[in-house]
Protein backbone atom coordinates (compact mmCIF):
# COMPACT_ATOMS: atom_id res chain seq x y z
CA UNK A 1 15.09 -31.13 3.19
CA UNK A 2 15.19 -29.79 6.74
CA UNK A 3 13.08 -26.63 6.87
CA UNK A 4 15.72 -25.04 9.11
CA UNK A 5 18.19 -25.11 6.22
CA UNK A 6 16.26 -22.41 4.38
CA UNK A 7 15.17 -20.32 7.36
CA UNK A 8 16.79 -18.10 9.97
CA UNK A 9 15.51 -16.41 13.10
CA UNK A 10 14.25 -12.99 12.05
CA UNK A 11 16.78 -10.31 12.91
CA UNK A 12 18.91 -7.72 11.15
CA UNK A 13 21.52 -10.23 10.07
CA UNK A 14 18.85 -12.43 8.47
CA UNK A 15 17.45 -9.47 6.54
CA UNK A 16 20.86 -8.43 5.21
CA UNK A 17 21.78 -12.00 4.30
CA UNK A 18 18.50 -12.40 2.43
CA UNK A 19 19.00 -9.17 0.47
CA UNK A 20 22.55 -10.23 -0.45
CA UNK A 21 21.20 -13.54 -1.78
CA UNK A 22 19.05 -11.80 -4.38
CA UNK A 23 20.33 -11.45 -7.95
CA UNK A 24 19.68 -7.69 -7.81
CA UNK A 25 19.29 -5.38 -4.85
CA UNK A 26 15.62 -4.38 -4.75
CA UNK A 27 14.52 -0.83 -5.32
CA UNK A 28 11.12 -1.69 -3.87
CA UNK A 29 10.86 -4.24 -1.07
CA UNK A 30 7.28 -5.35 -0.49
CA UNK A 31 6.32 -6.65 2.95
CA UNK A 32 2.80 -8.05 2.76
CA UNK A 33 0.32 -8.49 5.58
CA UNK A 34 -1.77 -11.63 5.86
CA UNK A 35 -4.30 -9.48 7.74
CA UNK A 36 -4.54 -5.92 9.05
CA UNK A 37 -5.86 -7.17 12.40
CA UNK A 38 -2.67 -8.34 14.11
CA UNK A 39 -0.55 -5.81 16.01
CA UNK A 40 2.54 -8.01 15.79
CA UNK A 41 2.81 -7.36 12.04
CA UNK A 42 3.35 -3.56 12.22
CA UNK A 43 5.72 -4.13 15.14
CA UNK A 44 7.76 -6.58 13.06
CA UNK A 45 7.67 -4.16 10.12
CA UNK A 46 9.12 -1.43 12.33
CA UNK A 47 12.09 -3.59 13.27
CA UNK A 48 12.73 -4.48 9.63
CA UNK A 49 12.51 -0.85 8.52
CA UNK A 50 14.88 0.35 11.24
CA UNK A 51 17.44 -2.17 10.07
CA UNK A 52 16.96 -1.21 6.43
CA UNK A 53 17.49 2.46 7.27
CA UNK A 54 20.49 1.96 9.53
CA UNK A 55 22.30 -0.74 7.54
CA UNK A 56 20.92 -1.03 3.99
CA UNK A 57 20.52 2.56 2.82
CA UNK A 58 16.71 2.68 2.71
CA UNK A 59 15.22 6.16 3.04
CA UNK A 60 11.47 5.71 2.53
CA UNK A 61 8.54 3.68 3.78
CA UNK A 62 5.11 3.53 2.15
CA UNK A 63 1.99 2.36 3.99
CA UNK A 64 -1.42 1.34 2.69
CA UNK A 65 -3.09 4.64 3.58
CA UNK A 66 -4.46 7.65 1.72
CA UNK A 67 -1.56 9.21 -0.21
CA UNK A 68 -2.79 12.76 0.44
CA UNK A 69 -3.28 12.24 4.16
CA UNK A 70 0.20 10.72 4.25
CA UNK A 71 1.62 14.16 3.38
CA UNK A 72 0.65 15.29 6.90
CA UNK A 73 2.74 12.49 8.43
CA UNK A 74 5.68 13.19 6.12
CA UNK A 75 5.62 16.88 7.08
CA UNK A 76 5.76 15.84 10.73
CA UNK A 77 8.59 13.32 10.44
CA UNK A 78 10.73 15.43 8.08
CA UNK A 79 10.01 19.01 9.25
CA UNK A 80 8.42 18.67 12.68
CA UNK A 81 5.20 20.32 11.49
CA UNK A 82 2.38 19.65 13.94
CA UNK A 83 2.43 17.10 16.73
CA UNK A 84 2.56 13.33 16.91
CA UNK A 85 -1.09 13.22 18.00
CA UNK A 86 -2.12 15.38 15.03
CA UNK A 87 -0.13 13.24 12.61
CA UNK A 88 -1.80 10.06 13.86
CA UNK A 89 -5.30 11.58 13.85
CA UNK A 90 -5.18 13.44 10.53
CA UNK A 91 -2.48 11.59 8.59
CA UNK A 92 -3.86 8.03 8.56
CA UNK A 93 -6.91 6.67 6.75
CA UNK A 94 -8.78 3.38 7.36
CA UNK A 95 -8.45 3.81 11.15
CA UNK A 96 -4.76 2.84 10.99
CA UNK A 97 -3.74 5.83 13.11
CA UNK A 98 -5.03 3.93 16.13
CA UNK A 99 -2.53 1.09 15.69
CA UNK A 100 0.26 1.26 18.31
CA UNK A 101 2.83 0.02 15.79
CA UNK A 102 2.04 2.88 13.42
CA UNK A 103 2.38 5.43 16.20
CA UNK A 104 5.75 3.97 17.20
CA UNK A 105 6.91 4.07 13.56
CA UNK A 106 6.07 7.77 13.22
CA UNK A 107 7.64 8.59 16.59
CA UNK A 108 10.87 6.78 15.67
CA UNK A 109 11.08 8.40 12.23
CA UNK A 110 10.74 11.88 13.75
CA UNK A 111 13.42 11.10 16.35
CA UNK A 112 15.74 9.73 13.65
CA UNK A 113 15.32 12.81 11.47
CA UNK A 114 16.04 15.13 14.37
CA UNK A 115 19.49 13.53 14.63
CA UNK A 116 20.38 13.05 10.94
CA UNK A 117 20.83 15.51 8.11
CA UNK A 118 19.66 13.04 5.44
CA UNK A 119 15.97 12.59 6.16
CA UNK A 120 13.86 9.46 5.89
CA UNK A 121 10.47 9.87 4.26
CA UNK A 122 6.95 8.63 4.96
CA UNK A 123 4.37 8.00 2.22
CA UNK A 124 0.85 6.71 1.82
CA UNK A 125 0.47 4.74 -1.39
CA UNK A 126 -3.28 4.11 -1.44
CA UNK A 127 -5.68 6.49 -3.14
CA UNK A 128 -8.15 8.65 -1.17
CA UNK A 129 -10.74 5.90 -1.34
CA UNK A 130 -12.10 2.75 0.21
CA UNK A 131 -15.01 1.13 -1.61
CA UNK A 132 -16.30 4.64 -2.22
CA UNK A 133 -14.01 7.55 -3.12
CA UNK A 134 -13.26 11.09 -2.03
CA UNK A 135 -13.96 14.24 -4.01
CA UNK A 136 -11.17 15.10 -6.47
CA UNK A 137 -11.26 18.69 -5.17
CA UNK A 138 -8.14 18.58 -2.99
CA UNK A 139 -5.95 16.94 -5.63
CA UNK A 140 -7.23 18.93 -8.59
CA UNK A 141 -7.13 22.38 -6.98
CA UNK A 142 -3.73 21.71 -5.39
CA UNK A 143 -2.33 20.75 -8.79
CA UNK A 144 -3.87 23.88 -10.31
CA UNK A 145 -2.25 26.07 -7.64
CA UNK A 146 1.22 24.64 -8.36
CA UNK A 147 1.07 25.42 -12.07
CA UNK A 148 2.10 28.73 -13.63
CA UNK A 149 0.08 31.17 -15.68
CA UNK A 150 -1.26 31.21 -18.29
CA UNK A 151 -3.65 28.41 -17.39
CA UNK A 152 -6.37 27.17 -19.73
CA UNK A 153 -9.06 27.21 -17.01
CA UNK A 154 -10.03 29.57 -14.22
CA UNK A 155 -10.23 28.57 -10.57
CA UNK A 156 -13.92 29.50 -10.68
CA UNK A 157 -14.49 27.00 -13.49
CA UNK A 158 -12.97 24.22 -11.39
CA UNK A 159 -14.95 25.22 -8.32
CA UNK A 160 -18.24 25.30 -10.21
CA UNK A 161 -17.70 21.93 -11.85
CA UNK A 162 -16.59 20.30 -8.59
CA UNK A 163 -19.65 21.55 -6.71
CA UNK A 164 -20.20 20.23 -3.18
CA UNK A 165 -18.00 17.40 -1.89
CA UNK A 166 -20.83 15.35 -0.37
CA UNK A 167 -22.20 13.93 -3.63
CA UNK A 168 -18.71 12.74 -4.55
CA UNK A 169 -18.07 11.03 -1.22
CA UNK A 170 -21.54 9.49 -0.88
CA UNK A 171 -20.82 6.07 0.65
CA UNK A 172 -24.09 4.66 -0.69
CA UNK A 173 -22.71 4.99 -4.23
CA UNK A 174 -20.35 2.12 -3.45
CA UNK A 175 -23.20 -0.38 -3.65
CA UNK A 176 -25.59 1.64 -5.81
CA UNK A 177 -24.03 2.91 -9.05
CA UNK A 178 -27.10 5.07 -9.74
CA UNK A 179 -26.04 7.30 -6.82
CA UNK A 180 -22.61 7.98 -8.30
CA UNK A 181 -22.02 11.31 -10.05
CA UNK A 182 -18.96 9.95 -11.85
CA UNK A 183 -20.62 10.12 -15.29
CA UNK A 184 -22.33 13.48 -14.92
CA UNK A 185 -21.54 16.21 -17.44
CA UNK A 186 -19.50 18.00 -14.80
CA UNK A 187 -17.45 14.90 -13.98
CA UNK A 188 -16.75 14.28 -17.67
CA UNK A 189 -15.53 17.84 -18.10
CA UNK A 190 -13.33 17.51 -15.03
CA UNK A 191 -11.68 14.39 -16.48
CA UNK A 192 -10.67 16.40 -19.55
CA UNK A 193 -9.44 19.27 -17.40
CA UNK A 194 -7.39 16.93 -15.21
CA UNK A 195 -5.81 15.43 -18.31
CA UNK A 196 -4.99 18.92 -19.61
CA UNK A 197 -3.44 20.00 -16.31
CA UNK A 198 -1.26 16.88 -16.08
CA UNK A 199 -0.04 17.52 -19.62
CA UNK A 200 0.62 21.14 -18.68
CA UNK A 201 2.63 19.93 -15.70
CA UNK A 202 4.95 18.05 -18.03
CA UNK A 203 5.61 21.24 -20.01
CA UNK A 204 6.24 23.28 -16.85
CA UNK A 205 8.21 20.67 -14.88
CA UNK A 206 11.65 22.15 -15.71
CA UNK A 207 10.61 25.41 -14.05
CA UNK A 208 9.45 23.76 -10.82
CA UNK A 209 11.59 22.86 -7.84
CA UNK A 210 12.16 19.24 -6.88
CA UNK A 211 9.64 19.35 -4.04
CA UNK A 212 7.06 21.10 -6.23
CA UNK A 213 7.44 18.50 -8.98
CA UNK A 214 7.01 15.68 -6.47
CA UNK A 215 3.84 17.23 -5.04
CA UNK A 216 2.41 18.17 -8.42
CA UNK A 217 3.00 14.66 -9.73
CA UNK A 218 1.16 13.19 -6.73
CA UNK A 219 -1.76 15.58 -7.10
CA UNK A 220 -1.98 14.91 -10.83
CA UNK A 221 -1.96 11.11 -10.43
CA UNK A 222 -4.55 11.35 -7.68
CA UNK A 223 -6.91 13.71 -9.52
CA UNK A 224 -6.87 11.60 -12.68
CA UNK A 225 -7.16 8.36 -10.71
CA UNK A 226 -10.08 9.57 -8.60
CA UNK A 227 -12.03 10.85 -11.59
CA UNK A 228 -11.45 7.59 -13.40
CA UNK A 229 -12.56 5.63 -10.30
CA UNK A 230 -15.72 7.75 -9.96
CA UNK A 231 -16.52 7.17 -13.62
CA UNK A 232 -16.49 3.41 -13.11
CA UNK A 233 -18.42 3.66 -9.85
CA UNK A 234 -21.33 4.75 -12.03
CA UNK A 235 -21.03 1.54 -14.08
CA UNK A 236 -23.73 -1.09 -13.57
CA UNK A 237 -22.13 -4.01 -15.41
CA UNK A 238 -21.10 -7.26 -13.65
CA UNK A 239 -17.45 -6.29 -14.13
CA UNK A 240 -17.85 -3.16 -11.99
CA UNK A 241 -16.11 -4.33 -8.82
CA UNK A 242 -13.25 -6.11 -10.54
CA UNK A 243 -12.65 -2.94 -12.57
CA UNK A 244 -12.73 -0.74 -9.45
CA UNK A 245 -10.33 -3.08 -7.63
CA UNK A 246 -7.94 -2.95 -10.58
CA UNK A 247 -8.11 0.84 -10.77
CA UNK A 248 -7.36 1.17 -7.07
CA UNK A 249 -4.27 -0.99 -7.36
CA UNK A 250 -3.16 0.82 -10.50
CA UNK A 251 -3.21 4.06 -8.48
CA UNK A 252 -1.20 2.33 -5.76
CA UNK A 253 1.37 1.08 -8.26
CA UNK A 254 1.79 4.52 -9.83
CA UNK A 255 2.48 5.99 -6.39
CA UNK A 256 5.00 3.25 -5.62
CA UNK A 257 6.87 3.84 -8.86
CA UNK A 258 7.14 7.54 -8.03
CA UNK A 259 8.43 6.74 -4.53
CA UNK A 260 11.19 4.50 -5.91
CA UNK A 261 12.53 7.45 -7.89
CA UNK A 262 13.77 8.73 -4.52
CA UNK A 263 15.74 5.54 -3.78
CA UNK A 264 15.15 2.13 -2.15
CA UNK A 265 11.83 1.94 -0.29
CA UNK A 266 9.96 -0.51 1.92
CA UNK A 267 6.25 -0.84 1.16
CA UNK A 268 3.91 -2.37 3.72
CA UNK A 269 0.40 -3.40 2.76
CA UNK A 270 -1.91 -6.38 2.46
CA UNK A 271 -0.55 -9.45 0.68
CA UNK A 272 -3.40 -9.08 -1.84
CA UNK A 273 -1.99 -5.74 -2.97
CA UNK A 274 1.69 -6.68 -3.00
CA UNK A 275 1.72 -10.26 -4.29
CA UNK A 276 2.68 -11.13 -7.87
CA UNK A 277 -0.19 -13.48 -8.65
CA UNK A 278 -3.75 -12.33 -9.26
CA UNK A 279 -5.65 -11.36 -6.16
CA UNK A 280 -8.91 -13.19 -5.55
CA UNK A 281 -11.53 -12.15 -3.02
CA UNK A 282 -15.13 -13.12 -2.33
CA UNK A 283 -17.44 -10.13 -2.56
CA UNK A 284 -21.10 -10.91 -2.05
CA UNK A 285 -22.02 -13.52 -4.63
CA UNK A 286 -18.98 -12.69 -6.77
CA UNK A 287 -15.33 -13.69 -6.73
CA UNK A 288 -13.24 -10.68 -7.72
CA UNK A 289 -9.94 -11.20 -9.50
CA UNK A 290 -7.39 -8.52 -10.38
CA UNK A 291 -3.66 -7.85 -10.43
CA UNK A 292 -2.44 -5.92 -7.41
CA UNK A 293 -0.02 -3.03 -7.07
CA UNK A 294 3.00 -5.28 -6.59
CA UNK A 295 2.32 -7.21 -9.79
CA UNK A 296 1.75 -3.98 -11.72
CA UNK A 297 4.86 -2.31 -10.26
CA UNK A 298 6.98 -5.33 -11.16
CA UNK A 299 6.12 -4.93 -14.85
CA UNK A 300 8.07 -1.66 -14.65
CA UNK A 301 10.72 -2.53 -12.04
CA UNK A 302 11.49 -6.12 -13.06
CA UNK A 303 13.80 -7.84 -10.59
CA UNK A 304 14.17 -4.57 -8.68
CA UNK A 305 10.90 -5.57 -6.98
CA UNK A 306 11.11 -8.14 -4.18
CA UNK A 307 8.13 -9.54 -2.30
CA UNK A 308 8.13 -10.85 1.26
CA UNK A 309 4.80 -12.31 2.33
CA UNK A 310 3.88 -12.64 5.98
CA UNK A 311 2.47 -15.91 7.24
CA UNK A 312 0.94 -16.64 10.62
CA UNK A 313 1.05 -19.84 12.63
CA UNK A 314 -1.32 -20.06 15.60
CA UNK A 315 -3.77 -17.14 15.61
CA UNK A 316 -5.33 -16.86 19.02
CA UNK A 317 -6.45 -20.47 19.56
CA UNK A 318 -6.58 -21.39 15.86
CA UNK A 319 -3.73 -23.82 15.15
CA UNK A 320 -2.85 -24.43 11.49
CA UNK A 321 -3.20 -28.02 10.22
CA UNK A 322 0.24 -29.66 10.02
CA UNK A 323 0.02 -30.28 6.26
CA UNK A 324 -0.47 -26.58 5.40
CA UNK A 325 2.42 -24.22 4.69
CA UNK A 326 1.73 -22.44 7.98
CA UNK A 327 1.64 -25.79 9.80
CA UNK A 328 4.94 -26.86 8.25
CA UNK A 329 6.60 -23.56 9.18
CA UNK A 330 5.26 -23.92 12.73
CA UNK A 331 7.84 -26.66 13.24
CA UNK A 332 10.59 -24.01 13.18
CA UNK A 333 12.12 -23.47 16.63
CA UNK A 334 11.82 -19.65 16.55
CA UNK A 335 8.96 -17.26 17.34
CA UNK A 336 9.75 -15.29 14.18
CA UNK A 337 11.62 -16.48 11.13
CA UNK A 338 12.66 -15.35 7.67
CA UNK A 339 12.23 -18.17 5.16
CA UNK A 340 13.61 -18.36 1.64
CA UNK A 341 10.43 -19.15 -0.30
CA UNK A 342 12.14 -20.28 -3.49
CA UNK A 343 13.60 -23.59 -2.23
CA UNK A 344 10.54 -24.04 -0.01
CA UNK A 345 8.28 -24.03 -3.07
CA UNK A 346 10.49 -26.62 -4.77
CA UNK A 347 10.67 -28.95 -1.77
CA UNK A 348 7.04 -29.11 -0.64
CA UNK A 349 4.82 -31.76 -2.19
CA UNK A 350 1.18 -30.80 -2.44
CA UNK A 351 0.68 -28.96 0.85
CA UNK A 352 -2.93 -28.27 1.77
CA UNK A 353 -4.50 -24.83 1.74
CA UNK A 354 -5.32 -23.40 5.14
CA UNK A 355 -8.90 -22.23 5.61
CA UNK A 356 -10.15 -19.57 7.99
CA UNK A 357 -13.51 -18.18 9.02
CA UNK A 358 -11.94 -14.71 9.33
CA UNK A 359 -12.81 -12.86 6.10
CA UNK A 360 -9.95 -10.41 6.66
CA UNK A 361 -7.24 -13.08 6.97
CA UNK A 362 -5.71 -14.57 3.83
CA UNK A 363 -3.55 -17.67 4.41
CA UNK A 364 -0.71 -18.43 2.02
CA UNK A 365 -1.81 -20.12 -1.18
CA UNK A 366 0.61 -23.02 -1.70
CA UNK A 367 0.00 -22.89 -5.45
CA UNK A 368 1.72 -19.49 -5.59
CA UNK A 369 4.72 -20.08 -3.33
CA UNK A 370 6.97 -19.88 -6.37
CA UNK A 371 5.95 -16.24 -6.87
CA UNK A 372 7.13 -15.22 -3.40
CA UNK A 373 10.75 -14.35 -2.66
CA UNK A 374 10.63 -14.76 1.10
CA UNK A 375 8.26 -15.39 3.99
CA UNK A 376 8.25 -13.55 7.30
CA UNK A 377 6.71 -16.13 9.61
CA UNK A 378 5.26 -15.40 13.05
CA UNK A 379 4.54 -18.60 14.95
CA UNK A 380 1.87 -17.26 17.32
CA UNK A 381 -0.11 -14.01 17.28
CA UNK A 382 -3.26 -12.50 18.75
CA UNK A 383 -5.99 -10.55 17.00
CA UNK A 384 -6.44 -6.89 17.79
CA UNK A 385 -8.50 -6.31 20.92
CA UNK A 386 -10.86 -4.00 18.98
CA UNK A 387 -12.52 -6.04 16.22
CA UNK A 388 -14.11 -2.90 14.78
CA UNK A 389 -10.74 -1.63 13.60
CA UNK A 390 -9.52 -2.81 10.18
């Protein structure tokens, strides 16, 4: 089979043709990153999202950033609250506000909304965490404030149990479970309170406005998820990091399911989070394995979830071996291509796995090609100039 028979140069027509080829129009379209360290990937994402908005009816995009910080960006793009600089500085976690492609995305979304009555939305789908986690204060108190009296707990009770934020966000607790306060008496009480408040939200939901319900749901998911994450940060068993990785992606998946209730959405994050197969990552002397947000979301969405992986050809001066998937795709005559992964998986015979010394770059695993719907292939890219950024 000629590889060009199942690929097209990446443009709007290729995207629409690909979507029309699917058995069901996706409610959630995942676009995975092979690495966060290549500016060409967010730039390509922006072009895809613009086409989806203008021609395919998409109204939301979700990025792999703190879901609570993402509210600042959404307020800017939908209501014009604040400035572009403030949105980039305060609305992005993980240093992603410094990426030019993210700034251009936010700028374009604000400009689009200024000219259209039906607004497009911006979301973060990650929790307020990295390896360590934030205090549950913001999520828990914001949920409390949205609920109606009578409430089973006082604000003073919450404030006393939460205490200072620093012990919660202690970065050293990531590697030392003894420094986590996630199993303290106060944290255990807060987990019960969070559960009570989420249950109370269900009983009060009919009396809340649409926007209030959306916010309260986000705060409830985040408060419960953070307290659960902190609890397992205090665990000292060998399964600790696999459990924490799973919990993080479960929070991501819950956020994505809520976003799809608003209509078709594009989600952009690392391939590890969006792929269907188990993620695997070296971590010290361990190999962590867990199901990512895409795999979890698909158990609820079924064929309404579609996954496009990104693959990179030459990265800087690193040329892929010709017998790898990336090497085979490098024979395509276009700088960027959209490849139908289903016939590709059937036609390739034992391609080799590409290896890389870059711990942040994850080449395609040929063994899992059959679990990918499509591949966005960039034939040549450069790393970010600042290696300190994620």
